[in-house]
Amino acid sequence: MFSYPVLIIMSLLMAVISIRTIYQTIRDRDQLFDDSFTRADRQHMSVAAFFILIPVSVLLHEIGHAVSIWWYGGDVVAFGFFFFFGFVGYEGISDAVELFWIALWGNIVSVALGLGALLLAFVRPMRAAINYLFIMFGIISILMSLVFYPLMDLLSDLHGDWSRIYSAETMEHAIGTGIVHGAILLGMVAAWQISRVRLRFAEITGLRPEEVRKVSRKQAEQELHKAAELAIAQFDGLARIEGEGSNRDAAAIRITWTSGGYNRTVLVVAGLSRQLRIELFGGVRALDGTEDGGEQRIKGLRGLPEPERIAPYVLRALNQVDRWHLTNADGTPRDKA
């Protein structure tokens, strides 16, 4: 699946995208680095983190190998850098432990660059765009070195760094590396579960706190229920709250009432998966049992605001749906008992 010629060709093709990304970043620099860090800016910086900064990381990764070879008295006889892939050819070293460290040092450089970028963004933040660029680069650099590269090595005949690092010839070193390897990945996952870290991320990247809240499905259901109660307390109709088949990725409640010859509903859904979001839908159906009616989207809110901030939108949806009615084909209202 992976071979040196294939990886070189893929890397050079991706380098074309890197050149385009550099051009676009320079061209749009005033918009990207102003005080308004938009969703489009965020997407561009994610692309820039990969296509501009990762090649720098790859180059330094290979230099890390070369320096370690010289440290152990070997000779570098070949050096290849293709933006997203590189290699170092050497001779004069045969000791298994030295070979282990030579293989490991390139990855130490990559991981150190990633952790350093994350630390810089969180501890000494700059503009939101730069902070976001460094955070995305840090995450990508670490994942490429500790997840993608090991899997690529395992699933191919490259005999790359990780085949040497986890070689049976240096089992004691491999065990220690494995512990650190797993600890870094688990530490990153655990850190993102900490509310303080998520709020700091929002603060330095121009997000609102509700866009990064960590909320369980049960808590989301409770907050939607509270928001609905606050809205109903100011609503003229006699409405009730019903459960709405929540699942792992979303929590939902349905508010129902009857007026003007129709059953009316407002559905409030909290998305809990990749993108936190509140969605409101409204619907009407005739009391006489006809199949007319249905639901349509009313409003979307980014993030998961507190119940007190959701309630006004729910109240507006209730009042809006309470004015809805079905119409005949010619657009005239239908009379309902």
Protein backbone atom coordinates (compact mmCIF):
# COMPACT_ATOMS: atom_id res chain seq x y z
CA MET A 1 0.00 0.00 0.00
CA PHE A 2 2.77 2.47 0.98
CA SER A 3 6.16 2.54 -0.71
CA TYR A 4 8.86 5.18 -1.05
CA PRO A 5 8.01 6.07 -4.69
CA VAL A 6 4.28 6.32 -3.88
CA LEU A 7 4.89 8.49 -0.83
CA ILE A 8 7.25 10.78 -2.75
CA ILE A 9 4.71 11.28 -5.55
CA MET A 10 1.87 11.89 -3.07
CA SER A 11 4.01 14.37 -1.13
CA LEU A 12 4.98 16.35 -4.20
CA LEU A 13 1.35 16.55 -5.32
CA MET A 14 0.37 17.80 -1.87
CA ALA A 15 3.17 20.37 -2.09
CA VAL A 16 1.21 22.04 -4.89
CA ILE A 17 -1.61 22.60 -2.40
CA SER A 18 0.95 23.97 0.06
CA ILE A 19 2.09 26.58 -2.46
CA ARG A 20 -1.50 27.59 -3.14
CA THR A 21 -2.22 27.80 0.61
CA ILE A 22 0.82 30.02 1.16
CA TYR A 23 -0.35 32.32 -1.64
CA GLN A 24 -3.90 32.50 -0.27
CA THR A 25 -2.64 33.19 3.25
CA ILE A 26 -0.45 36.06 2.08
CA ARG A 27 -3.21 37.42 -0.16
CA ASP A 28 -5.87 37.33 2.59
CA ARG A 29 -3.58 38.16 5.52
CA ASP A 30 -5.44 41.34 6.50
CA GLN A 31 -8.74 39.49 6.74
CA LEU A 32 -7.27 36.39 8.40
CA PHE A 33 -5.37 38.24 11.10
CA ASP A 34 -7.84 40.99 11.96
CA ASP A 35 -9.88 41.11 15.17
CA SER A 36 -12.81 39.20 13.63
CA PHE A 37 -11.85 35.52 13.44
CA THR A 38 -14.69 33.98 11.45
CA ARG A 39 -15.59 30.36 10.75
CA ALA A 40 -14.12 30.71 7.23
CA ASP A 41 -10.88 32.06 8.76
CA ARG A 42 -10.85 29.09 11.12
CA GLN A 43 -11.17 26.64 8.23
CA HIS A 44 -8.35 28.34 6.35
CA MET A 45 -6.05 28.19 9.36
CA SER A 46 -6.75 24.48 9.78
CA VAL A 47 -5.65 23.95 6.18
CA ALA A 48 -2.62 26.21 6.70
CA ALA A 49 -1.57 24.26 9.79
CA PHE A 50 -1.30 21.11 7.69
CA PHE A 51 -0.08 22.38 4.33
CA ILE A 52 2.29 25.11 5.56
CA LEU A 53 3.59 24.07 8.98
CA ILE A 54 3.66 20.27 8.68
CA PRO A 55 6.35 20.39 5.94
CA VAL A 56 8.49 22.41 8.37
CA SER A 57 7.93 19.71 10.99
CA VAL A 58 8.87 16.98 8.50
CA LEU A 59 12.12 18.80 7.61
CA LEU A 60 13.07 19.22 11.28
CA HIS A 61 12.10 15.57 11.89
CA GLU A 62 14.65 14.44 9.30
CA ILE A 63 17.27 16.84 10.65
CA GLY A 64 16.70 15.25 14.08
CA HIS A 65 17.59 11.87 12.57
CA ALA A 66 20.67 13.32 10.87
CA VAL A 67 21.99 15.02 14.02
CA SER A 68 21.56 11.81 16.04
CA ILE A 69 23.46 9.86 13.36
CA TRP A 70 26.37 12.27 13.60
CA TRP A 71 26.16 12.12 17.41
CA TYR A 72 26.73 8.36 17.33
CA GLY A 73 29.59 8.65 14.85
CA GLY A 74 27.74 7.56 11.71
CA ASP A 75 27.80 9.13 8.25
CA VAL A 76 24.76 10.60 6.51
CA VAL A 77 24.95 9.35 2.92
CA ALA A 78 21.51 10.45 1.69
CA PHE A 79 18.95 13.06 2.70
CA GLY A 80 15.53 13.35 1.08
CA PHE A 81 12.87 15.97 1.82
CA PHE A 82 9.63 16.02 -0.15
CA PHE A 83 7.51 18.37 2.01
CA PHE A 84 5.30 15.67 3.55
CA PHE A 85 7.76 12.79 3.44
CA GLY A 86 11.49 12.47 3.94
CA PHE A 87 14.28 10.04 4.67
CA VAL A 88 17.88 9.92 5.85
CA GLY A 89 20.32 7.30 4.59
CA TYR A 90 23.31 6.51 6.77
CA GLU A 91 26.07 4.01 7.41
CA GLY A 92 28.62 3.22 10.07
CA ILE A 93 26.17 2.32 12.87
CA SER A 94 25.09 -1.21 13.79
CA ASP A 95 24.43 -1.13 17.55
CA ALA A 96 20.74 -1.88 18.21
CA VAL A 97 20.37 0.71 20.99
CA GLU A 98 21.96 3.44 18.88
CA LEU A 99 19.70 2.53 15.97
CA PHE A 100 16.72 2.77 18.36
CA TRP A 101 17.65 6.30 19.40
CA ILE A 102 18.33 7.40 15.84
CA ALA A 103 14.83 6.24 14.86
CA LEU A 104 13.27 7.85 17.92
CA TRP A 105 14.92 11.25 17.71
CA GLY A 106 13.09 12.37 14.59
CA ASN A 107 9.78 11.64 16.30
CA ILE A 108 10.91 13.33 19.49
CA VAL A 109 11.47 16.47 17.42
CA SER A 110 8.00 16.21 15.82
CA VAL A 111 6.23 15.65 19.14
CA ALA A 112 8.24 18.39 20.86
CA LEU A 113 7.27 20.84 18.10
CA GLY A 114 3.61 19.87 18.54
CA LEU A 115 3.64 20.16 22.31
CA GLY A 116 5.61 23.41 22.10
CA ALA A 117 3.06 24.93 19.72
CA LEU A 118 0.20 23.96 22.04
CA LEU A 119 2.01 25.32 25.09
CA LEU A 120 2.83 28.59 23.34
CA ALA A 121 -0.77 29.13 22.24
CA PHE A 122 -2.23 28.39 25.70
CA VAL A 123 0.42 30.10 27.86
CA ARG A 124 1.48 33.06 25.69
CA PRO A 125 -1.48 33.66 23.38
CA MET A 126 -1.34 36.09 20.48
CA ARG A 127 -4.04 36.86 17.92
CA ALA A 128 -6.86 34.33 17.68
CA ALA A 129 -5.81 33.28 14.16
CA ILE A 130 -2.22 32.57 15.23
CA ASN A 131 -3.32 30.75 18.37
CA TYR A 132 -5.67 28.57 16.33
CA LEU A 133 -2.95 27.92 13.73
CA PHE A 134 -0.51 26.77 16.42
CA ILE A 135 -3.10 24.61 18.18
CA MET A 136 -4.13 22.87 14.96
CA PHE A 137 -0.48 22.36 14.01
CA GLY A 138 0.31 20.97 17.46
CA ILE A 139 -2.53 18.46 17.33
CA ILE A 140 -1.80 17.41 13.74
CA SER A 141 1.95 17.09 14.32
CA ILE A 142 1.48 14.87 17.36
CA LEU A 143 -1.19 12.71 15.74
CA MET A 144 0.87 12.26 12.58
CA SER A 145 3.94 11.21 14.56
CA LEU A 146 2.22 9.05 17.19
CA VAL A 147 -0.79 7.65 15.30
CA PHE A 148 -0.60 7.93 11.53
CA TYR A 149 3.11 7.18 11.09
CA PRO A 150 3.09 4.08 13.36
CA LEU A 151 -0.02 2.73 11.58
CA MET A 152 1.51 3.39 8.17
CA ASP A 153 4.69 1.59 9.26
CA LEU A 154 2.69 -1.34 10.64
CA LEU A 155 0.54 -1.73 7.51
CA SER A 156 3.37 -1.53 4.99
CA ASP A 157 6.87 -2.79 4.25
CA LEU A 158 8.51 0.58 4.78
CA HIS A 159 10.55 -0.61 7.80
CA GLY A 160 10.46 2.96 9.06
CA ASP A 161 11.10 4.55 12.44
CA TRP A 162 8.47 2.73 14.44
CA SER A 163 9.51 -0.71 13.22
CA ARG A 164 12.92 0.02 14.70
CA ILE A 165 11.59 1.73 17.83
CA TYR A 166 9.38 -1.23 18.74
CA SER A 167 11.88 -3.86 17.66
CA ALA A 168 12.32 -6.94 19.85
CA GLU A 169 16.07 -6.23 19.88
CA THR A 170 15.53 -3.28 22.23
CA MET A 171 12.50 -4.49 24.18
CA GLU A 172 13.25 -2.56 27.38
CA HIS A 173 13.55 0.70 25.46
CA ALA A 174 10.42 -0.15 23.48
CA ILE A 175 8.36 -0.72 26.63
CA GLY A 176 9.39 2.64 28.08
CA THR A 177 8.66 4.37 24.79
CA GLY A 178 5.27 2.67 24.59
CA ILE A 179 4.32 3.98 28.03
CA VAL A 180 5.26 7.55 27.09
CA HIS A 181 3.63 7.13 23.67
CA GLY A 182 0.30 6.11 25.20
CA ALA A 183 0.52 8.69 27.99
CA ILE A 184 0.86 11.58 25.54
CA LEU A 185 -2.17 10.48 23.50
CA LEU A 186 -4.31 9.74 26.56
CA GLY A 187 -3.18 12.99 28.14
CA MET A 188 -4.38 14.98 25.14
CA VAL A 189 -7.77 13.27 25.23
CA ALA A 190 -8.06 13.77 29.00
CA ALA A 191 -7.04 17.44 28.78
CA TRP A 192 -9.88 18.17 26.35
CA GLN A 193 -12.37 16.78 28.87
CA ILE A 194 -11.38 19.46 31.40
CA SER A 195 -13.75 22.43 31.30
CA ARG A 196 -10.99 24.89 32.15
CA VAL A 197 -8.95 23.77 29.13
CA ARG A 198 -11.95 24.01 26.80
CA LEU A 199 -12.82 27.47 28.09
CA ARG A 200 -9.21 28.60 27.65
CA PHE A 201 -9.30 27.28 24.07
CA ALA A 202 -12.46 29.30 23.42
CA GLU A 203 -10.96 32.42 24.97
CA ILE A 204 -7.77 32.40 22.87
CA THR A 205 -9.39 31.38 19.57
CA GLY A 206 -12.35 33.75 19.50
CA LEU A 207 -15.07 31.21 20.31
CA ARG A 208 -17.97 31.72 22.69
CA PRO A 209 -17.87 29.56 25.85
CA GLU A 210 -21.11 27.78 24.90
CA GLU A 211 -19.43 26.48 21.73
CA VAL A 212 -16.98 24.31 23.71
CA ARG A 213 -19.05 23.27 26.74
CA LYS A 214 -18.74 19.68 27.89
CA VAL A 215 -22.33 18.54 28.51
CA SER A 216 -23.66 15.02 29.00
CA ARG A 217 -26.86 13.93 27.29
CA LYS A 218 -28.70 13.86 30.62
CA GLN A 219 -27.52 17.36 31.51
CA ALA A 220 -28.48 18.63 28.06
CA GLU A 221 -31.98 17.16 28.46
CA GLN A 222 -32.33 18.85 31.85
CA GLU A 223 -31.20 22.20 30.47
CA LEU A 224 -33.57 21.97 27.49
CA HIS A 225 -36.40 21.11 29.90
CA LYS A 226 -35.56 24.15 32.04
CA ALA A 227 -35.39 26.43 28.99
CA ALA A 228 -38.80 25.11 27.86
CA GLU A 229 -40.30 25.75 31.31
CA LEU A 230 -39.01 29.33 31.29
CA ALA A 231 -40.49 29.90 27.83
CA ILE A 232 -43.85 28.30 28.64
CA ALA A 233 -44.17 30.51 31.74
CA GLN A 234 -44.37 33.54 29.40
CA PHE A 235 -46.45 31.87 26.68
CA ASP A 236 -50.18 32.54 26.42
CA GLY A 237 -51.09 29.00 25.37
CA LEU A 238 -51.47 25.90 27.55
CA ALA A 239 -48.40 23.90 26.50
CA ARG A 240 -46.77 20.78 27.90
CA ILE A 241 -43.26 19.29 27.60
CA GLU A 242 -42.70 15.79 26.25
CA GLY A 243 -39.58 13.67 25.88
CA GLU A 244 -38.31 13.15 22.33
CA GLY A 245 -36.17 10.03 21.90
CA SER A 246 -32.72 11.43 22.71
CA ASN A 247 -29.62 9.47 21.69
CA ARG A 248 -25.86 9.61 22.21
CA ASP A 249 -25.37 12.41 19.69
CA ALA A 250 -28.36 14.58 20.57
CA ALA A 251 -30.83 15.48 23.30
CA ALA A 252 -34.31 16.71 22.47
CA ILE A 253 -37.62 17.79 24.01
CA ARG A 254 -40.95 18.52 22.32
CA ILE A 255 -43.42 21.21 23.43
CA THR A 256 -47.02 20.59 22.36
CA TRP A 257 -50.30 22.51 22.60
CA THR A 258 -53.60 22.96 20.78
CA SER A 259 -55.01 26.18 19.34
CA GLY A 260 -57.09 27.32 16.38
CA GLY A 261 -58.07 23.78 15.40
CA TYR A 262 -54.48 22.50 15.21
CA ASN A 263 -52.09 20.42 17.25
CA ARG A 264 -48.92 22.50 17.41
CA THR A 265 -45.37 21.54 18.34
CA VAL A 266 -41.96 23.06 18.87
CA LEU A 267 -39.07 20.60 18.85
CA VAL A 268 -35.82 21.68 20.53
CA VAL A 269 -32.74 19.60 19.71
CA ALA A 270 -29.26 19.91 21.22
CA GLY A 271 -26.54 18.43 19.02
CA LEU A 272 -23.82 16.87 21.19
CA SER A 273 -21.48 15.33 18.63
CA ARG A 274 -18.81 17.12 16.56
CA GLN A 275 -20.51 20.51 16.39
CA LEU A 276 -22.42 21.70 19.45
CA ARG A 277 -25.66 23.32 18.32
CA ILE A 278 -29.28 24.04 19.24
CA GLU A 279 -31.91 23.56 16.54
CA LEU A 280 -35.59 24.57 16.81
CA PHE A 281 -38.33 23.11 14.60
CA GLY A 282 -42.02 23.91 14.48
CA GLY A 283 -44.99 21.96 13.21
CA VAL A 284 -48.79 22.00 12.91
CA ARG A 285 -51.31 19.26 12.17
CA ALA A 286 -55.05 19.52 11.80
CA LEU A 287 -57.16 18.16 14.65
CA ASP A 288 -59.52 16.40 12.23
CA GLY A 289 -56.80 13.87 11.37
CA THR A 290 -55.93 14.96 7.84
CA GLU A 291 -52.35 14.31 6.68
CA ASP A 292 -51.65 17.95 6.02
CA GLY A 293 -49.01 19.77 8.00
CA GLY A 294 -45.54 18.77 9.12
CA GLU A 295 -42.43 20.31 10.63
CA GLN A 296 -39.94 22.89 9.42
CA ARG A 297 -36.77 24.41 10.86
CA ILE A 298 -37.17 27.73 12.63
CA LYS A 299 -33.82 28.64 14.15
CA GLY A 300 -30.31 27.38 14.82
CA LEU A 301 -27.98 28.47 17.63
CA ARG A 302 -24.23 27.84 17.71
CA GLY A 303 -23.02 26.02 20.80
CA LEU A 304 -25.00 25.00 23.88
CA PRO A 305 -26.05 28.20 25.69
CA GLU A 306 -27.34 28.18 29.25
CA PRO A 307 -31.12 27.59 29.64
CA GLU A 308 -31.76 31.26 30.35
CA ARG A 309 -30.27 32.16 26.96
CA ILE A 310 -32.14 29.44 25.08
CA ALA A 311 -35.55 30.29 26.59
CA PRO A 312 -36.16 33.55 24.61
CA TYR A 313 -35.61 31.70 21.32
CA VAL A 314 -37.99 28.94 22.42
CA LEU A 315 -40.61 31.55 23.36
CA ARG A 316 -40.31 33.20 19.94
CA ALA A 317 -40.72 29.80 18.29
CA LEU A 318 -43.85 29.11 20.37
CA ASN A 319 -45.41 32.43 19.38
CA GLN A 320 -44.43 31.93 15.75
CA VAL A 321 -45.90 28.43 15.49
CA ASP A 322 -49.02 29.56 17.34
CA ARG A 323 -49.74 31.87 14.37
CA TRP A 324 -49.27 29.17 11.73
CA HIS A 325 -52.27 27.72 9.85
CA LEU A 326 -52.81 25.39 6.92
CA THR A 327 -53.96 26.83 3.62
CA ASN A 328 -55.90 25.65 0.59
CA ALA A 329 -54.24 25.26 -2.80
CA ASP A 330 -55.25 28.85 -3.64
CA GLY A 331 -53.60 30.13 -0.46
CA THR A 332 -56.78 30.83 1.49
CA PRO A 333 -56.96 29.66 5.13
CA ARG A 334 -58.74 26.40 5.89
CA ASP A 335 -61.49 26.52 8.47
CA LYS A 336 -60.91 24.20 11.43
CA ALA A 337 -63.33 23.40 14.20
